[in-house]
Amino acid sequence: MQTSATAANSFPLLEGAIRNPANPDHLMVIKPVKRMVRIFGDGVLIAQTRNALRVLELGKSLYDPAIYVPASDIVAALAPLDKTSHCPLKGDASYLAYNGAEIAWSYDRPLDGAEQLAGHIAFWPDKVQITEGD
């Protein structure tokens, strides 16, 4: 009989998954988005890029996919918030607001395995409008 970790490790679609060493059932996959991504807040363009990353994460549940945009492609002013959190896969997150509302987070010093996220900002999909495609 396979344990859930063994079954997950043998699942071919999870090749390249980054796993939490303390809990192999907690994992993420980072994939490039191959289309134009635009982020809008209150109808205003916040970011536009062809270099976004999509992070798919399985932890206590299957989380909504997160879009990470290079900080250099942010075109609106985002303000830092006095809030942090920790993810055993990604590291310590800091949070950002647009027009006073929290909409995003980033990992300034991601953990080993999550280095691709350095210099990127992720957005809460229920707090912004995200479009993909030209």
N, C-alpha and C. Protein backbone atom coordinates (compact mmCIF):
# COMPACT_ATOMS: atom_id res chain seq x y z
N MET A 1 0.84 -1.19 0.00
CA MET A 1 0.00 0.00 0.00
C MET A 1 0.88 1.25 0.00
N GLN A 2 0.59 2.21 -0.88
CA GLN A 2 1.38 3.42 -0.97
C GLN A 2 0.89 4.45 0.04
N THR A 3 1.82 5.20 0.62
CA THR A 3 1.43 6.34 1.43
C THR A 3 1.10 7.48 0.49
N SER A 4 0.45 8.51 1.01
CA SER A 4 0.10 9.63 0.14
C SER A 4 1.35 10.29 -0.42
N ALA A 5 2.43 10.37 0.36
CA ALA A 5 3.66 10.97 -0.14
C ALA A 5 4.23 10.14 -1.28
N THR A 6 4.22 8.83 -1.16
CA THR A 6 4.72 7.96 -2.22
C THR A 6 3.85 8.10 -3.46
N ALA A 7 2.55 8.12 -3.28
CA ALA A 7 1.65 8.26 -4.42
C ALA A 7 1.87 9.61 -5.10
N ALA A 8 2.03 10.67 -4.32
CA ALA A 8 2.25 12.00 -4.91
C ALA A 8 3.58 12.02 -5.65
N ASN A 9 4.63 11.44 -5.07
CA ASN A 9 5.93 11.45 -5.71
C ASN A 9 5.93 10.68 -7.02
N SER A 10 5.07 9.69 -7.17
CA SER A 10 5.06 8.90 -8.39
C SER A 10 4.10 9.47 -9.44
N PHE A 11 3.36 10.51 -9.10
CA PHE A 11 2.39 11.09 -10.02
C PHE A 11 3.14 11.91 -11.07
N PRO A 12 3.13 11.50 -12.34
CA PRO A 12 4.00 12.12 -13.34
C PRO A 12 3.73 13.60 -13.58
N LEU A 13 2.50 14.10 -13.37
CA LEU A 13 2.22 15.51 -13.61
C LEU A 13 2.87 16.42 -12.58
N LEU A 14 3.41 15.84 -11.53
CA LEU A 14 4.02 16.65 -10.49
C LEU A 14 5.54 16.70 -10.62
N GLU A 15 6.04 16.29 -11.78
CA GLU A 15 7.48 16.39 -12.02
C GLU A 15 7.90 17.85 -11.86
N GLY A 16 8.97 18.07 -11.16
CA GLY A 16 9.44 19.43 -10.93
C GLY A 16 8.81 20.09 -9.72
N ALA A 17 7.97 19.37 -9.00
CA ALA A 17 7.33 19.94 -7.82
C ALA A 17 8.36 20.24 -6.74
N ILE A 18 8.16 21.35 -6.07
CA ILE A 18 8.98 21.74 -4.93
C ILE A 18 8.21 21.32 -3.69
N ARG A 19 8.83 20.48 -2.87
CA ARG A 19 8.13 19.89 -1.72
C ARG A 19 8.65 20.44 -0.40
N ASN A 20 7.74 20.55 0.54
CA ASN A 20 8.08 20.93 1.91
C ASN A 20 8.80 19.73 2.54
N PRO A 21 10.05 19.89 2.96
CA PRO A 21 10.80 18.75 3.51
C PRO A 21 10.13 18.13 4.74
N ALA A 22 9.41 18.94 5.50
CA ALA A 22 8.74 18.43 6.70
C ALA A 22 7.40 17.77 6.39
N ASN A 23 6.87 18.01 5.18
CA ASN A 23 5.57 17.46 4.80
C ASN A 23 5.53 17.32 3.28
N PRO A 24 5.90 16.16 2.73
CA PRO A 24 5.97 16.02 1.26
C PRO A 24 4.61 16.14 0.56
N ASP A 25 3.51 16.12 1.32
CA ASP A 25 2.20 16.35 0.71
C ASP A 25 1.94 17.83 0.45
N HIS A 26 2.79 18.71 1.02
CA HIS A 26 2.70 20.15 0.76
C HIS A 26 3.70 20.47 -0.33
N LEU A 27 3.21 20.88 -1.49
CA LEU A 27 4.09 21.10 -2.63
C LEU A 27 3.60 22.22 -3.51
N MET A 28 4.48 22.67 -4.38
CA MET A 28 4.10 23.69 -5.37
C MET A 28 4.85 23.42 -6.67
N VAL A 29 4.26 23.91 -7.73
CA VAL A 29 4.85 23.86 -9.06
C VAL A 29 4.84 25.29 -9.59
N ILE A 30 5.97 25.74 -10.12
CA ILE A 30 6.09 27.07 -10.70
C ILE A 30 6.20 26.91 -12.21
N LYS A 31 5.31 27.59 -12.94
CA LYS A 31 5.30 27.49 -14.40
C LYS A 31 5.26 28.88 -15.02
N PRO A 32 5.99 29.09 -16.09
CA PRO A 32 5.88 30.38 -16.78
C PRO A 32 4.52 30.50 -17.47
N VAL A 33 3.99 31.71 -17.49
CA VAL A 33 2.76 32.00 -18.23
C VAL A 33 3.20 32.46 -19.61
N LYS A 34 2.73 31.80 -20.65
CA LYS A 34 3.24 32.04 -22.00
C LYS A 34 2.43 33.08 -22.78
N ARG A 35 1.62 33.85 -22.04
CA ARG A 35 0.81 34.89 -22.68
C ARG A 35 0.98 36.20 -21.93
N MET A 36 0.48 37.27 -22.52
CA MET A 36 0.47 38.57 -21.85
C MET A 36 -0.44 38.47 -20.63
N VAL A 37 0.01 39.00 -19.51
CA VAL A 37 -0.79 39.06 -18.29
C VAL A 37 -0.93 40.53 -17.92
N ARG A 38 -2.17 40.92 -17.62
CA ARG A 38 -2.45 42.27 -17.14
C ARG A 38 -3.19 42.15 -15.81
N ILE A 39 -2.81 43.03 -14.87
CA ILE A 39 -3.45 43.08 -13.57
C ILE A 39 -4.09 44.45 -13.44
N PHE A 40 -5.38 44.47 -13.07
CA PHE A 40 -6.11 45.71 -12.88
C PHE A 40 -6.64 45.79 -11.46
N GLY A 41 -6.59 46.99 -10.90
CA GLY A 41 -7.21 47.25 -9.60
C GLY A 41 -8.12 48.45 -9.75
N ASP A 42 -9.36 48.30 -9.39
CA ASP A 42 -10.34 49.39 -9.55
C ASP A 42 -10.36 49.91 -10.99
N GLY A 43 -10.16 49.01 -11.97
CA GLY A 43 -10.19 49.39 -13.37
C GLY A 43 -8.93 50.04 -13.89
N VAL A 44 -7.91 50.19 -13.03
CA VAL A 44 -6.65 50.84 -13.41
C VAL A 44 -5.58 49.76 -13.61
N LEU A 45 -4.80 49.90 -14.68
CA LEU A 45 -3.72 48.95 -14.94
C LEU A 45 -2.66 49.05 -13.85
N ILE A 46 -2.37 47.92 -13.21
CA ILE A 46 -1.35 47.85 -12.16
C ILE A 46 -0.07 47.21 -12.70
N ALA A 47 -0.23 46.21 -13.56
CA ALA A 47 0.94 45.51 -14.10
C ALA A 47 0.60 44.94 -15.47
N GLN A 48 1.64 44.84 -16.29
CA GLN A 48 1.52 44.22 -17.61
C GLN A 48 2.84 43.53 -17.90
N THR A 49 2.78 42.24 -18.26
CA THR A 49 4.02 41.50 -18.48
C THR A 49 3.82 40.30 -19.38
N ARG A 50 4.91 39.90 -20.00
CA ARG A 50 4.98 38.62 -20.72
C ARG A 50 5.89 37.66 -19.96
N ASN A 51 6.23 38.01 -18.72
CA ASN A 51 7.16 37.22 -17.92
C ASN A 51 6.57 36.78 -16.58
N ALA A 52 5.28 36.57 -16.55
CA ALA A 52 4.62 36.15 -15.31
C ALA A 52 4.90 34.67 -15.02
N LEU A 53 4.75 34.33 -13.76
CA LEU A 53 4.84 32.94 -13.31
C LEU A 53 3.51 32.57 -12.67
N ARG A 54 3.10 31.32 -12.87
CA ARG A 54 1.91 30.79 -12.20
C ARG A 54 2.39 29.77 -11.18
N VAL A 55 1.92 29.93 -9.94
CA VAL A 55 2.27 28.99 -8.88
C VAL A 55 1.03 28.20 -8.49
N LEU A 56 1.16 26.89 -8.62
CA LEU A 56 0.10 25.96 -8.23
C LEU A 56 0.58 25.30 -6.94
N GLU A 57 -0.24 25.39 -5.89
CA GLU A 57 0.19 24.89 -4.59
C GLU A 57 -0.86 23.98 -3.98
N LEU A 58 -0.38 22.89 -3.42
CA LEU A 58 -1.22 21.94 -2.70
C LEU A 58 -0.71 21.88 -1.28
N GLY A 59 -1.55 22.24 -0.33
CA GLY A 59 -1.20 22.21 1.08
C GLY A 59 -2.34 21.56 1.84
N LYS A 60 -2.96 22.34 2.73
CA LYS A 60 -4.13 21.84 3.46
C LYS A 60 -5.29 21.60 2.49
N SER A 61 -5.22 22.29 1.35
CA SER A 61 -6.17 22.10 0.26
C SER A 61 -5.45 22.50 -1.03
N LEU A 62 -6.14 22.44 -2.15
CA LEU A 62 -5.58 22.93 -3.40
C LEU A 62 -5.90 24.42 -3.47
N TYR A 63 -4.85 25.24 -3.40
CA TYR A 63 -5.05 26.69 -3.37
C TYR A 63 -5.30 27.21 -4.78
N ASP A 64 -5.99 28.35 -4.86
CA ASP A 64 -6.17 28.99 -6.15
C ASP A 64 -4.79 29.30 -6.74
N PRO A 65 -4.63 29.11 -8.05
CA PRO A 65 -3.34 29.46 -8.66
C PRO A 65 -3.02 30.94 -8.40
N ALA A 66 -1.75 31.23 -8.19
CA ALA A 66 -1.31 32.61 -7.97
C ALA A 66 -0.45 33.05 -9.15
N ILE A 67 -0.66 34.28 -9.58
CA ILE A 67 0.13 34.87 -10.65
C ILE A 67 1.17 35.78 -10.02
N TYR A 68 2.44 35.55 -10.36
CA TYR A 68 3.55 36.35 -9.88
C TYR A 68 4.09 37.17 -11.05
N VAL A 69 4.17 38.48 -10.88
CA VAL A 69 4.60 39.41 -11.91
C VAL A 69 5.94 40.01 -11.50
N PRO A 70 6.89 40.13 -12.45
CA PRO A 70 8.16 40.79 -12.10
C PRO A 70 7.88 42.20 -11.56
N ALA A 71 8.55 42.57 -10.48
CA ALA A 71 8.36 43.90 -9.88
C ALA A 71 8.64 45.00 -10.89
N SER A 72 9.54 44.74 -11.83
CA SER A 72 9.87 45.74 -12.85
C SER A 72 8.71 46.01 -13.81
N ASP A 73 7.71 45.14 -13.83
CA ASP A 73 6.55 45.32 -14.72
C ASP A 73 5.32 45.89 -14.00
N ILE A 74 5.50 46.32 -12.75
CA ILE A 74 4.42 46.98 -12.01
C ILE A 74 4.43 48.45 -12.44
N VAL A 75 3.26 48.98 -12.84
CA VAL A 75 3.19 50.35 -13.33
C VAL A 75 2.41 51.27 -12.39
N ALA A 76 1.83 50.75 -11.33
CA ALA A 76 1.10 51.55 -10.35
C ALA A 76 1.85 51.53 -9.02
N ALA A 77 1.59 52.53 -8.20
CA ALA A 77 2.26 52.60 -6.90
C ALA A 77 1.61 51.63 -5.92
N LEU A 78 2.42 50.70 -5.39
CA LEU A 78 1.97 49.79 -4.35
C LEU A 78 2.68 50.18 -3.06
N ALA A 79 1.94 50.19 -1.96
CA ALA A 79 2.49 50.61 -0.68
C ALA A 79 2.72 49.40 0.22
N PRO A 80 3.86 49.35 0.90
CA PRO A 80 4.11 48.23 1.81
C PRO A 80 3.17 48.30 3.02
N LEU A 81 2.77 47.14 3.49
CA LEU A 81 1.94 47.03 4.69
C LEU A 81 2.78 46.47 5.83
N ASP A 82 2.37 46.73 7.04
CA ASP A 82 3.05 46.20 8.22
C ASP A 82 2.46 44.83 8.52
N LYS A 83 2.74 43.86 7.63
CA LYS A 83 2.19 42.52 7.76
C LYS A 83 3.17 41.55 7.13
N THR A 84 3.38 40.42 7.78
CA THR A 84 4.22 39.37 7.23
C THR A 84 3.58 38.01 7.53
N SER A 85 4.02 37.01 6.82
CA SER A 85 3.62 35.63 7.09
C SER A 85 4.76 34.72 6.63
N HIS A 86 4.68 33.45 6.99
CA HIS A 86 5.73 32.51 6.61
C HIS A 86 5.12 31.31 5.91
N CYS A 87 5.74 30.88 4.82
CA CYS A 87 5.38 29.67 4.10
C CYS A 87 6.60 28.76 4.12
N PRO A 88 6.45 27.50 4.53
CA PRO A 88 7.60 26.60 4.57
C PRO A 88 8.15 26.24 3.19
N LEU A 89 7.42 26.56 2.12
CA LEU A 89 7.93 26.33 0.77
C LEU A 89 8.60 27.56 0.18
N LYS A 90 8.05 28.72 0.49
CA LYS A 90 8.48 29.95 -0.18
C LYS A 90 9.29 30.89 0.70
N GLY A 91 9.03 30.94 1.99
CA GLY A 91 9.76 31.83 2.88
C GLY A 91 8.85 32.84 3.54
N ASP A 92 9.43 34.00 3.89
CA ASP A 92 8.69 35.06 4.58
C ASP A 92 8.11 36.03 3.55
N ALA A 93 6.80 36.24 3.64
CA ALA A 93 6.10 37.12 2.71
C ALA A 93 5.90 38.49 3.34
N SER A 94 5.98 39.51 2.51
CA SER A 94 5.57 40.86 2.90
C SER A 94 4.41 41.24 1.99
N TYR A 95 3.56 42.14 2.47
CA TYR A 95 2.31 42.44 1.79
C TYR A 95 2.28 43.87 1.28
N LEU A 96 1.47 44.08 0.22
CA LEU A 96 1.40 45.36 -0.46
C LEU A 96 -0.06 45.77 -0.67
N ALA A 97 -0.27 47.09 -0.69
CA ALA A 97 -1.61 47.63 -0.87
C ALA A 97 -1.65 48.55 -2.08
N TYR A 98 -2.83 48.66 -2.65
CA TYR A 98 -3.12 49.61 -3.71
C TYR A 98 -4.34 50.40 -3.26
N ASN A 99 -4.24 51.72 -3.26
CA ASN A 99 -5.32 52.58 -2.77
C ASN A 99 -5.80 52.16 -1.38
N GLY A 100 -4.87 51.76 -0.54
CA GLY A 100 -5.18 51.42 0.85
C GLY A 100 -5.68 50.00 1.09
N ALA A 101 -5.90 49.23 0.03
CA ALA A 101 -6.41 47.86 0.17
C ALA A 101 -5.31 46.85 -0.14
N GLU A 102 -5.15 45.86 0.73
CA GLU A 102 -4.17 44.80 0.48
C GLU A 102 -4.55 44.03 -0.77
N ILE A 103 -3.61 43.94 -1.71
CA ILE A 103 -3.89 43.20 -2.94
C ILE A 103 -2.79 42.23 -3.34
N ALA A 104 -1.61 42.32 -2.70
CA ALA A 104 -0.47 41.56 -3.21
C ALA A 104 0.50 41.19 -2.10
N TRP A 105 1.43 40.30 -2.47
CA TRP A 105 2.50 39.91 -1.55
C TRP A 105 3.74 39.55 -2.34
N SER A 106 4.87 39.50 -1.65
CA SER A 106 6.11 39.10 -2.31
C SER A 106 7.01 38.38 -1.31
N TYR A 107 7.97 37.65 -1.87
CA TYR A 107 8.99 36.96 -1.10
C TYR A 107 10.33 37.57 -1.49
N ASP A 108 10.82 38.47 -0.64
CA ASP A 108 12.06 39.18 -0.97
C ASP A 108 13.27 38.25 -0.94
N ARG A 109 13.26 37.28 -0.03
CA ARG A 109 14.35 36.31 0.07
C ARG A 109 13.73 34.91 0.13
N PRO A 110 13.29 34.39 -1.03
CA PRO A 110 12.64 33.07 -1.02
C PRO A 110 13.59 31.96 -0.58
N LEU A 111 13.01 30.90 -0.07
CA LEU A 111 13.77 29.74 0.36
C LEU A 111 14.37 29.00 -0.84
N ASP A 112 15.34 28.13 -0.57
CA ASP A 112 15.91 27.28 -1.61
C ASP A 112 14.79 26.54 -2.32
N GLY A 113 14.85 26.51 -3.62
CA GLY A 113 13.84 25.86 -4.43
C GLY A 113 12.81 26.84 -4.97
N ALA A 114 12.63 27.96 -4.28
CA ALA A 114 11.63 28.95 -4.70
C ALA A 114 12.29 30.24 -5.21
N GLU A 115 13.57 30.16 -5.55
CA GLU A 115 14.32 31.35 -5.96
C GLU A 115 13.69 32.08 -7.15
N GLN A 116 12.97 31.37 -8.00
CA GLN A 116 12.31 32.00 -9.16
C GLN A 116 11.37 33.12 -8.74
N LEU A 117 10.87 33.07 -7.50
CA LEU A 117 9.89 34.05 -7.04
C LEU A 117 10.54 35.37 -6.60
N ALA A 118 11.86 35.38 -6.43
CA ALA A 118 12.55 36.61 -6.05
C ALA A 118 12.28 37.68 -7.10
N GLY A 119 12.01 38.90 -6.64
CA GLY A 119 11.77 40.00 -7.57
C GLY A 119 10.40 39.97 -8.22
N HIS A 120 9.49 39.13 -7.72
CA HIS A 120 8.13 39.02 -8.25
C HIS A 120 7.10 39.40 -7.19
N ILE A 121 5.96 39.85 -7.64
CA ILE A 121 4.85 40.21 -6.77
C ILE A 121 3.64 39.39 -7.20
N ALA A 122 2.99 38.77 -6.21
CA ALA A 122 1.79 37.97 -6.47
C ALA A 122 0.55 38.76 -6.05
N PHE A 123 -0.56 38.46 -6.69
CA PHE A 123 -1.80 39.20 -6.46
C PHE A 123 -2.92 38.27 -6.02
N TRP A 124 -3.73 38.75 -5.06
CA TRP A 124 -4.91 38.00 -4.64
C TRP A 124 -5.91 38.01 -5.80
N PRO A 125 -6.28 36.86 -6.35
CA PRO A 125 -7.17 36.85 -7.51
C PRO A 125 -8.56 37.40 -7.24
N ASP A 126 -8.99 37.42 -5.97
CA ASP A 126 -10.31 37.96 -5.67
C ASP A 126 -10.28 39.46 -5.35
N LYS A 127 -9.08 40.07 -5.40
CA LYS A 127 -8.96 41.50 -5.09
C LYS A 127 -8.53 42.34 -6.29
N VAL A 128 -8.18 41.68 -7.38
CA VAL A 128 -7.79 42.37 -8.61
C VAL A 128 -8.46 41.63 -9.78
N GLN A 129 -8.35 42.23 -10.95
CA GLN A 129 -8.79 41.57 -12.18
C GLN A 129 -7.54 41.15 -12.93
N ILE A 130 -7.45 39.88 -13.27
CA ILE A 130 -6.30 39.35 -13.99
C ILE A 130 -6.77 38.89 -15.36
N THR A 131 -6.12 39.39 -16.39
CA THR A 131 -6.43 38.93 -17.75
C THR A 131 -5.19 38.28 -18.34
N GLU A 132 -5.41 37.28 -19.18
CA GLU A 132 -4.34 36.62 -19.90
C GLU A 132 -4.68 36.63 -21.39
N GLY A 133 -3.68 36.93 -22.19
CA GLY A 133 -3.86 36.93 -23.64
C GLY A 133 -3.64 38.31 -24.20
N ASP A 134 -3.42 38.36 -25.51
CA ASP A 134 -3.14 39.64 -26.17
C ASP A 134 -4.40 40.40 -26.45
